[in-house]
Amino acid sequence: MSATALPQTARLQSQRWSPARIYLVVSGVFLLLLAGAGFLVNRDFPTSPSEVAGGSSLVGGLLLTNGWHNLAGLLSGLIALGFAVRPEWARTGALFKGLFYVGVTSSLLITDARNVLLASNWADQIVHASLAVGGLATGLATPRPGRSRASG
């Protein structure tokens, strides 16, 4: 094998679509679409938790939302796509998002919904938990940059 073939092979392997990179693109696009739909039905940004219940709307008849929730989805989607731009960032990005959504899911389960500004319901929790599991699973299934699956 020539000296130039080795770096080219490594470059081609790093440009492949890893599980983590696919997760980041799919979840990023999903979150951006969801945020866009959310802003179509509700652009309210409540300033106190007591305003959340009365000022929230359903996206698709299932997902409870308000302006803060839409903004969070927009930022999360952009972050996901930002990590997906560089293949070597995908694993870190998927693990980061997975851990972030473990925190979101856990905190919304243990916190009284009447004390937060983000509108959320059980359907949102299913989305949050799915993003957590997907991020962790695809991040762990993707080899570290510079390592092949065979070398561990």
C-alpha atoms as a PDB file:
ATOM      1  CA  MET A   1       0.000   0.000   0.000  1.00  0.00           C
ATOM      2  CA  SER A   2       1.402   3.398  -0.941  1.00  0.00           C
ATOM      3  CA  ALA A   3       1.941   6.210   1.533  1.00  0.00           C
ATOM      4  CA  THR A   4      -0.826   8.297  -0.046  1.00  0.00           C
ATOM      5  CA  ALA A   5      -3.391   5.487   0.001  1.00  0.00           C
ATOM      6  CA  LEU A   6      -3.400   5.219   3.793  1.00  0.00           C
ATOM      7  CA  PRO A   7      -4.424   8.843   4.564  1.00  0.00           C
ATOM      8  CA  GLN A   8      -7.001   8.725   1.757  1.00  0.00           C
ATOM      9  CA  THR A   9      -8.527   5.538   3.213  1.00  0.00           C
ATOM     10  CA  ALA A  10      -8.684   7.112   6.670  1.00  0.00           C
ATOM     11  CA  ARG A  11     -10.314  10.232   5.210  1.00  0.00           C
ATOM     12  CA  LEU A  12     -12.929   8.167   3.369  1.00  0.00           C
ATOM     13  CA  GLN A  13     -13.723   6.199   6.531  1.00  0.00           C
ATOM     14  CA  SER A  14     -14.205   9.411   8.510  1.00  0.00           C
ATOM     15  CA  GLN A  15     -16.693  10.702   5.911  1.00  0.00           C
ATOM     16  CA  ARG A  16     -18.976   7.678   6.192  1.00  0.00           C
ATOM     17  CA  TRP A  17     -22.412   8.019   7.668  1.00  0.00           C
ATOM     18  CA  SER A  18     -22.038   6.562  11.137  1.00  0.00           C
ATOM     19  CA  PRO A  19     -25.051   5.709  13.320  1.00  0.00           C
ATOM     20  CA  ALA A  20     -24.353   8.831  15.401  1.00  0.00           C
ATOM     21  CA  ARG A  21     -24.226  11.097  12.366  1.00  0.00           C
ATOM     22  CA  ILE A  22     -27.480   9.689  10.981  1.00  0.00           C
ATOM     23  CA  TYR A  23     -29.133  10.176  14.399  1.00  0.00           C
ATOM     24  CA  LEU A  24     -27.956  13.784  14.541  1.00  0.00           C
ATOM     25  CA  VAL A  25     -29.284  14.633  11.087  1.00  0.00           C
ATOM     26  CA  VAL A  26     -32.623  12.848  11.566  1.00  0.00           C
ATOM     27  CA  SER A  27     -33.191  14.228  15.079  1.00  0.00           C
ATOM     28  CA  GLY A  28     -32.001  17.698  14.041  1.00  0.00           C
ATOM     29  CA  VAL A  29     -34.373  17.903  11.084  1.00  0.00           C
ATOM     30  CA  PHE A  30     -37.210  16.435  13.186  1.00  0.00           C
ATOM     31  CA  LEU A  31     -36.679  19.001  15.951  1.00  0.00           C
ATOM     32  CA  LEU A  32     -36.482  21.898  13.483  1.00  0.00           C
ATOM     33  CA  LEU A  33     -39.730  20.801  11.813  1.00  0.00           C
ATOM     34  CA  LEU A  34     -41.380  20.337  15.197  1.00  0.00           C
ATOM     35  CA  ALA A  35     -40.213  23.771  16.358  1.00  0.00           C
ATOM     36  CA  GLY A  36     -41.476  25.353  13.132  1.00  0.00           C
ATOM     37  CA  ALA A  37     -44.870  23.682  13.544  1.00  0.00           C
ATOM     38  CA  GLY A  38     -44.876  24.741  17.190  1.00  0.00           C
ATOM     39  CA  PHE A  39     -44.263  28.380  16.300  1.00  0.00           C
ATOM     40  CA  LEU A  40     -47.166  28.193  13.845  1.00  0.00           C
ATOM     41  CA  VAL A  41     -49.574  27.183  16.620  1.00  0.00           C
ATOM     42  CA  ASN A  42     -48.061  29.033  19.590  1.00  0.00           C
ATOM     43  CA  ARG A  43     -45.608  31.917  19.785  1.00  0.00           C
ATOM     44  CA  ASP A  44     -46.328  32.813  23.424  1.00  0.00           C
ATOM     45  CA  PHE A  45     -43.409  33.128  25.844  1.00  0.00           C
ATOM     46  CA  PRO A  46     -44.955  32.953  29.322  1.00  0.00           C
ATOM     47  CA  THR A  47     -43.028  34.767  32.022  1.00  0.00           C
ATOM     48  CA  SER A  48     -44.432  32.832  34.974  1.00  0.00           C
ATOM     49  CA  PRO A  49     -45.313  29.155  35.438  1.00  0.00           C
ATOM     50  CA  SER A  50     -48.952  30.063  36.124  1.00  0.00           C
ATOM     51  CA  GLU A  51     -49.257  31.374  32.551  1.00  0.00           C
ATOM     52  CA  VAL A  52     -48.032  28.109  30.978  1.00  0.00           C
ATOM     53  CA  ALA A  53     -51.188  25.997  31.361  1.00  0.00           C
ATOM     54  CA  GLY A  54     -53.511  28.540  29.798  1.00  0.00           C
ATOM     55  CA  GLY A  55     -51.092  29.651  27.087  1.00  0.00           C
ATOM     56  CA  SER A  56     -50.015  26.295  25.689  1.00  0.00           C
ATOM     57  CA  SER A  57     -51.110  24.614  22.462  1.00  0.00           C
ATOM     58  CA  LEU A  58     -50.932  21.136  20.979  1.00  0.00           C
ATOM     59  CA  VAL A  59     -48.825  20.349  17.906  1.00  0.00           C
ATOM     60  CA  GLY A  60     -50.409  17.583  15.887  1.00  0.00           C
ATOM     61  CA  GLY A  61     -53.008  17.137  18.596  1.00  0.00           C
ATOM     62  CA  LEU A  62     -50.421  15.467  20.869  1.00  0.00           C
ATOM     63  CA  LEU A  63     -47.389  17.530  21.796  1.00  0.00           C
ATOM     64  CA  LEU A  64     -47.919  20.378  24.251  1.00  0.00           C
ATOM     65  CA  THR A  65     -45.911  23.458  23.343  1.00  0.00           C
ATOM     66  CA  ASN A  66     -45.309  27.154  23.833  1.00  0.00           C
ATOM     67  CA  GLY A  67     -42.687  29.616  22.622  1.00  0.00           C
ATOM     68  CA  TRP A  68     -40.040  28.464  25.117  1.00  0.00           C
ATOM     69  CA  HIS A  69     -40.509  24.816  24.140  1.00  0.00           C
ATOM     70  CA  ASN A  70     -40.323  25.739  20.449  1.00  0.00           C
ATOM     71  CA  LEU A  71     -37.151  27.746  21.034  1.00  0.00           C
ATOM     72  CA  ALA A  72     -35.587  24.812  22.913  1.00  0.00           C
ATOM     73  CA  GLY A  73     -36.440  22.462  20.023  1.00  0.00           C
ATOM     74  CA  LEU A  74     -35.029  24.921  17.494  1.00  0.00           C
ATOM     75  CA  LEU A  75     -31.741  25.258  19.393  1.00  0.00           C
ATOM     76  CA  SER A  76     -31.474  21.510  19.977  1.00  0.00           C
ATOM     77  CA  GLY A  77     -32.073  20.819  16.283  1.00  0.00           C
ATOM     78  CA  LEU A  78     -29.438  23.350  15.231  1.00  0.00           C
ATOM     79  CA  ILE A  79     -26.924  21.898  17.699  1.00  0.00           C
ATOM     80  CA  ALA A  80     -27.596  18.393  16.348  1.00  0.00           C
ATOM     81  CA  LEU A  81     -27.012  19.521  12.767  1.00  0.00           C
ATOM     82  CA  GLY A  82     -23.902  21.425  13.855  1.00  0.00           C
ATOM     83  CA  PHE A  83     -22.399  18.252  15.322  1.00  0.00           C
ATOM     84  CA  ALA A  84     -23.364  16.328  12.159  1.00  0.00           C
ATOM     85  CA  VAL A  85     -21.388  18.672   9.893  1.00  0.00           C
ATOM     86  CA  ARG A  86     -18.078  17.073  10.828  1.00  0.00           C
ATOM     87  CA  PRO A  87     -18.080  13.258  10.909  1.00  0.00           C
ATOM     88  CA  GLU A  88     -15.496  13.225  13.703  1.00  0.00           C
ATOM     89  CA  TRP A  89     -17.867  15.248  15.927  1.00  0.00           C
ATOM     90  CA  ALA A  90     -20.850  12.923  15.451  1.00  0.00           C
ATOM     91  CA  ARG A  91     -20.088  10.454  18.247  1.00  0.00           C
ATOM     92  CA  THR A  92     -19.506  13.216  20.784  1.00  0.00           C
ATOM     93  CA  GLY A  93     -22.606  15.074  19.596  1.00  0.00           C
ATOM     94  CA  ALA A  94     -24.868  12.026  19.832  1.00  0.00           C
ATOM     95  CA  LEU A  95     -23.606  11.169  23.324  1.00  0.00           C
ATOM     96  CA  PHE A  96     -23.977  14.796  24.416  1.00  0.00           C
ATOM     97  CA  LYS A  97     -27.541  14.983  23.107  1.00  0.00           C
ATOM     98  CA  GLY A  98     -28.376  11.601  24.625  1.00  0.00           C
ATOM     99  CA  LEU A  99     -27.152  12.684  28.044  1.00  0.00           C
ATOM    100  CA  PHE A 100     -28.860  16.056  27.693  1.00  0.00           C
ATOM    101  CA  TYR A 101     -32.199  14.382  26.972  1.00  0.00           C
ATOM    102  CA  VAL A 102     -31.722  11.954  29.864  1.00  0.00           C
ATOM    103  CA  GLY A 103     -31.515  15.090  32.000  1.00  0.00           C
ATOM    104  CA  VAL A 104     -34.543  16.688  30.333  1.00  0.00           C
ATOM    105  CA  THR A 105     -36.657  13.552  30.696  1.00  0.00           C
ATOM    106  CA  SER A 106     -35.599  12.974  34.299  1.00  0.00           C
ATOM    107  CA  SER A 107     -36.086  16.570  35.382  1.00  0.00           C
ATOM    108  CA  LEU A 108     -39.541  16.793  33.825  1.00  0.00           C
ATOM    109  CA  LEU A 109     -40.532  13.542  35.511  1.00  0.00           C
ATOM    110  CA  ILE A 110     -39.511  14.677  38.990  1.00  0.00           C
ATOM    111  CA  THR A 111     -40.471  18.358  38.685  1.00  0.00           C
ATOM    112  CA  ASP A 112     -44.024  19.563  39.084  1.00  0.00           C
ATOM    113  CA  ALA A 113     -45.010  20.810  35.607  1.00  0.00           C
ATOM    114  CA  ARG A 114     -46.714  23.795  37.212  1.00  0.00           C
ATOM    115  CA  ASN A 115     -43.273  25.136  38.226  1.00  0.00           C
ATOM    116  CA  VAL A 116     -41.614  25.382  34.795  1.00  0.00           C
ATOM    117  CA  LEU A 117     -41.969  27.694  31.796  1.00  0.00           C
ATOM    118  CA  LEU A 118     -41.778  24.911  29.206  1.00  0.00           C
ATOM    119  CA  ALA A 119     -45.093  23.347  28.302  1.00  0.00           C
ATOM    120  CA  SER A 120     -44.725  19.556  28.352  1.00  0.00           C
ATOM    121  CA  ASN A 121     -46.948  16.488  28.516  1.00  0.00           C
ATOM    122  CA  TRP A 122     -46.614  12.693  28.290  1.00  0.00           C
ATOM    123  CA  ALA A 123     -46.210  12.788  24.486  1.00  0.00           C
ATOM    124  CA  ASP A 124     -43.302  15.219  24.858  1.00  0.00           C
ATOM    125  CA  GLN A 125     -41.745  12.895  27.399  1.00  0.00           C
ATOM    126  CA  ILE A 126     -41.887  10.045  24.873  1.00  0.00           C
ATOM    127  CA  VAL A 127     -40.057  12.263  22.363  1.00  0.00           C
ATOM    128  CA  HIS A 128     -37.487  13.310  24.996  1.00  0.00           C
ATOM    129  CA  ALA A 129     -36.884   9.710  26.117  1.00  0.00           C
ATOM    130  CA  SER A 130     -36.568   8.541  22.502  1.00  0.00           C
ATOM    131  CA  LEU A 131     -34.001  11.250  21.800  1.00  0.00           C
ATOM    132  CA  ALA A 132     -32.084  10.188  24.928  1.00  0.00           C
ATOM    133  CA  VAL A 133     -32.033   6.490  24.019  1.00  0.00           C
ATOM    134  CA  GLY A 134     -31.274   7.213  20.366  1.00  0.00           C
ATOM    135  CA  GLY A 135     -28.392   9.535  21.172  1.00  0.00           C
ATOM    136  CA  LEU A 136     -26.765   7.189  23.670  1.00  0.00           C
ATOM    137  CA  ALA A 137     -27.290   4.073  21.530  1.00  0.00           C
ATOM    138  CA  THR A 138     -25.948   5.589  18.305  1.00  0.00           C
ATOM    139  CA  GLY A 139     -23.118   7.368  20.103  1.00  0.00           C
ATOM    140  CA  LEU A 140     -21.988   4.101  21.697  1.00  0.00           C
ATOM    141  CA  ALA A 141     -22.442   2.226  18.394  1.00  0.00           C
ATOM    142  CA  THR A 142     -20.140   4.667  16.591  1.00  0.00           C
ATOM    143  CA  PRO A 143     -16.386   4.037  16.916  1.00  0.00           C
ATOM    144  CA  ARG A 144     -14.245   6.825  18.293  1.00  0.00           C
ATOM    145  CA  PRO A 145     -12.629   8.949  15.575  1.00  0.00           C
ATOM    146  CA  GLY A 146      -9.370   7.415  14.411  1.00  0.00           C
ATOM    147  CA  ARG A 147     -10.366   3.932  15.556  1.00  0.00           C
ATOM    148  CA  SER A 148     -11.877   1.191  13.524  1.00  0.00           C
ATOM    149  CA  ARG A 149     -14.513  -1.094  14.991  1.00  0.00           C
ATOM    150  CA  ALA A 150     -12.010  -3.976  14.935  1.00  0.00           C
ATOM    151  CA  SER A 151      -9.393  -2.103  16.987  1.00  0.00           C
ATOM    152  CA  GLY A 152     -11.939  -1.211  19.685  1.00  0.00           C
END
